[in-house]
Amino acid sequence: MQKVTRFLIITALFFTAVSFRPVNKEKVQWLTVAELQEAYNKNPKPILVDVYTSWCGWCKVMDKETYSNEKVAAYINEHYYAVKFDAEQKETVQWGGKKYEYNKDNKINDLAVYLCYGQLSFPTTVFVTALNAQPAPLAGYLKAKEIESPLKYFGEGAYKNQNFPEFNKSFTASW
């Protein structure tokens, strides 16, 4: 009887310990702008930029819900260089051979202005097909099912052959 009790206690402790172990979830491999430059020069691929601010509540929700989604993170990691860029960053950054500085009057980094075409709304997800290509900003909070289509449009190169509305008509969501 004592052996059975010990066995049950040990088994219960084991399953309790295993149940509290963190799940290995895929996470987006965020780069800085400087890290992006180096990686892109070695192996060019599309770029996704998350333009955010520290005070933005929806930016935090998008991090927690959208970018933490395993399918979203896995897709981004495979098809993109992902850059997290604080729009209010005070350090000068270099993008595509040009320097962008912090604008004291507007309290914003000029790279955020460039990436968002001056339409500053946070969060903004920016798709860039190459360092010297025109950015394609998508303003606002996006759920995983809402970001799938634009991720795949740029990530799979469909932008080369058709416009986004045409792509979206035949797109079938899988997330």
Protein backbone atom coordinates (compact mmCIF):
# COMPACT_ATOMS: atom_id res chain seq x y z
CA MET A 1 0.00 0.00 0.00
CA GLN A 2 2.85 2.36 0.86
CA LYS A 3 4.49 1.70 -2.55
CA VAL A 4 1.25 2.52 -4.36
CA THR A 5 0.87 5.76 -2.40
CA ARG A 6 4.47 6.79 -3.20
CA PHE A 7 3.97 5.95 -6.85
CA LEU A 8 0.78 8.06 -6.99
CA ILE A 9 2.45 11.00 -5.24
CA ILE A 10 5.49 10.88 -7.55
CA THR A 11 3.25 10.58 -10.61
CA ALA A 12 1.12 13.52 -9.44
CA LEU A 13 4.22 15.65 -8.81
CA PHE A 14 5.63 14.79 -12.23
CA PHE A 15 2.45 15.77 -14.08
CA THR A 16 2.11 18.93 -11.99
CA ALA A 17 5.68 19.97 -12.85
CA VAL A 18 5.21 19.20 -16.55
CA SER A 19 1.96 21.16 -16.73
CA PHE A 20 3.67 24.35 -15.50
CA ARG A 21 6.54 24.09 -17.97
CA PRO A 22 6.42 26.95 -20.52
CA VAL A 23 5.27 26.00 -24.00
CA ASN A 24 7.90 26.50 -26.71
CA LYS A 25 6.04 28.94 -28.93
CA GLU A 26 7.51 30.33 -32.10
CA LYS A 27 8.43 34.00 -31.66
CA VAL A 28 9.12 36.62 -34.29
CA GLN A 29 12.87 37.13 -34.64
CA TRP A 30 12.94 40.93 -34.46
CA LEU A 31 15.98 42.79 -35.78
CA THR A 32 17.19 46.33 -35.33
CA VAL A 33 17.58 48.53 -38.41
CA ALA A 34 21.37 48.04 -38.23
CA GLU A 35 21.01 44.25 -38.01
CA LEU A 36 18.62 44.35 -40.96
CA GLN A 37 21.16 46.15 -43.14
CA GLU A 38 23.78 43.47 -42.50
CA ALA A 39 21.39 40.52 -42.96
CA TYR A 40 19.82 42.00 -46.09
CA ASN A 41 23.21 42.55 -47.73
CA LYS A 42 24.01 38.84 -47.25
CA ASN A 43 20.61 37.49 -48.33
CA PRO A 44 17.92 39.88 -49.66
CA LYS A 45 14.28 39.12 -48.84
CA PRO A 46 11.17 41.19 -48.04
CA ILE A 47 11.10 43.29 -44.89
CA LEU A 48 8.29 43.75 -42.40
CA VAL A 49 8.58 46.77 -40.11
CA ASP A 50 6.44 47.13 -37.01
CA VAL A 51 6.31 50.90 -36.41
CA TYR A 52 5.19 51.44 -32.81
CA THR A 53 5.54 53.72 -29.79
CA SER A 54 6.03 52.83 -26.14
CA TRP A 55 2.74 54.49 -25.12
CA CYS A 56 0.60 52.79 -27.79
CA GLY A 57 -1.88 50.35 -26.24
CA TRP A 58 -2.88 48.73 -29.54
CA CYS A 59 0.80 48.16 -30.33
CA LYS A 60 1.07 46.10 -27.14
CA VAL A 61 -2.09 44.16 -28.00
CA MET A 62 -0.74 43.41 -31.47
CA ASP A 63 2.52 42.13 -29.95
CA LYS A 64 0.63 39.95 -27.48
CA GLU A 65 -2.03 38.58 -29.81
CA THR A 66 -0.90 38.86 -33.44
CA TYR A 67 2.88 38.62 -33.41
CA SER A 68 2.68 35.93 -30.70
CA ASN A 69 0.47 33.76 -32.91
CA GLU A 70 2.58 30.73 -33.86
CA LYS A 71 1.49 30.69 -37.51
CA VAL A 72 2.12 34.43 -37.93
CA ALA A 73 5.53 34.25 -36.24
CA ALA A 74 6.62 31.18 -38.22
CA TYR A 75 5.56 32.76 -41.52
CA ILE A 76 7.31 36.06 -40.76
CA ASN A 77 10.50 34.29 -39.66
CA GLU A 78 10.60 32.21 -42.83
CA HIS A 79 9.72 34.87 -45.43
CA TYR A 80 10.78 38.23 -43.98
CA TYR A 81 13.31 40.20 -42.07
CA ALA A 82 11.25 41.61 -39.22
CA VAL A 83 12.18 44.98 -37.73
CA LYS A 84 10.62 46.54 -34.66
CA PHE A 85 11.00 50.31 -34.94
CA ASP A 86 10.08 52.79 -32.21
CA ALA A 87 8.76 55.83 -34.08
CA GLU A 88 10.00 58.08 -31.29
CA GLN A 89 13.54 56.66 -31.33
CA LYS A 90 16.05 59.45 -30.81
CA GLU A 91 19.07 57.71 -32.33
CA THR A 92 19.94 58.42 -35.95
CA VAL A 93 19.32 55.36 -38.14
CA GLN A 94 20.45 54.49 -41.63
CA TRP A 95 18.03 52.90 -44.09
CA GLY A 96 18.97 52.16 -47.67
CA GLY A 97 22.01 54.42 -47.57
CA LYS A 98 20.17 57.43 -46.16
CA LYS A 99 20.33 58.76 -42.58
CA TYR A 100 17.14 59.48 -40.65
CA GLU A 101 17.26 61.61 -37.52
CA TYR A 102 14.99 62.40 -34.63
CA ASN A 103 12.88 65.48 -35.34
CA LYS A 104 12.72 67.44 -32.06
CA ASP A 105 9.89 69.68 -33.26
CA ASN A 106 7.60 66.77 -34.18
CA LYS A 107 9.03 64.35 -31.58
CA ILE A 108 9.34 61.58 -34.14
CA ASN A 109 12.12 59.84 -36.03
CA ASP A 110 12.13 60.77 -39.71
CA LEU A 111 12.37 57.07 -40.68
CA ALA A 112 8.87 56.57 -39.26
CA VAL A 113 7.66 59.53 -41.34
CA TYR A 114 9.24 57.99 -44.46
CA LEU A 115 7.92 54.46 -43.84
CA CYS A 116 4.38 55.71 -43.10
CA TYR A 117 4.28 58.45 -45.78
CA GLY A 118 3.75 61.00 -42.99
CA GLN A 119 0.48 59.35 -41.92
CA LEU A 120 1.59 58.52 -38.39
CA SER A 121 -0.74 56.05 -36.77
CA PHE A 122 0.34 53.33 -34.40
CA PRO A 123 0.77 50.49 -34.82
CA THR A 124 1.60 50.54 -38.52
CA THR A 125 2.83 47.41 -40.28
CA VAL A 126 5.07 48.31 -43.20
CA PHE A 127 5.93 45.90 -45.99
CA VAL A 128 9.06 46.66 -47.99
CA THR A 129 10.06 44.34 -50.84
CA ALA A 130 13.67 45.62 -50.95
CA LEU A 131 15.69 48.22 -49.05
CA ASN A 132 15.36 50.68 -51.93
CA ALA A 133 11.69 49.89 -52.67
CA GLN A 134 8.66 52.00 -51.80
CA PRO A 135 7.20 51.10 -48.41
CA ALA A 136 3.64 49.76 -48.23
CA PRO A 137 2.24 50.82 -44.85
CA LEU A 138 -0.84 49.21 -43.32
CA ALA A 139 -2.02 51.31 -40.38
CA GLY A 140 -3.84 50.00 -37.35
CA TYR A 141 -4.17 46.92 -35.21
CA LEU A 142 -4.34 43.70 -37.24
CA LYS A 143 -5.53 40.33 -35.97
CA ALA A 144 -3.74 37.19 -37.16
CA LYS A 145 -6.48 36.44 -39.70
CA GLU A 146 -6.29 40.04 -41.00
CA ILE A 147 -2.51 40.10 -41.48
CA GLU A 148 -2.36 36.73 -43.28
CA SER A 149 -3.31 38.04 -46.70
CA PRO A 150 -0.85 40.95 -46.91
CA LEU A 151 1.90 38.79 -45.37
CA LYS A 152 1.45 36.19 -48.08
CA TYR A 153 0.99 38.78 -50.86
CA PHE A 154 4.46 40.19 -50.24
CA GLY A 155 6.08 37.09 -48.74
CA GLU A 156 5.28 34.87 -51.71
CA GLY A 157 6.05 37.52 -54.33
CA ALA A 158 2.50 37.88 -55.66
CA TYR A 159 3.05 41.68 -55.77
CA LYS A 160 5.27 41.10 -58.83
CA ASN A 161 2.38 39.79 -60.97
CA GLN A 162 -0.84 41.30 -59.64
CA ASN A 163 -2.22 44.05 -57.50
CA PHE A 164 -3.44 43.38 -53.99
CA PRO A 165 -7.23 43.50 -54.72
CA GLU A 166 -6.77 40.86 -57.47
CA PHE A 167 -4.67 38.71 -55.14
CA ASN A 168 -7.21 39.07 -52.35
CA LYS A 169 -10.12 37.91 -54.56
CA SER A 170 -8.53 34.50 -55.04
CA PHE A 171 -6.85 34.28 -51.63
CA THR A 172 -8.00 31.54 -49.29
CA ALA A 173 -7.15 32.07 -45.64
CA SER A 174 -5.69 29.15 -43.73
CA TRP A 175 -5.13 30.66 -40.30
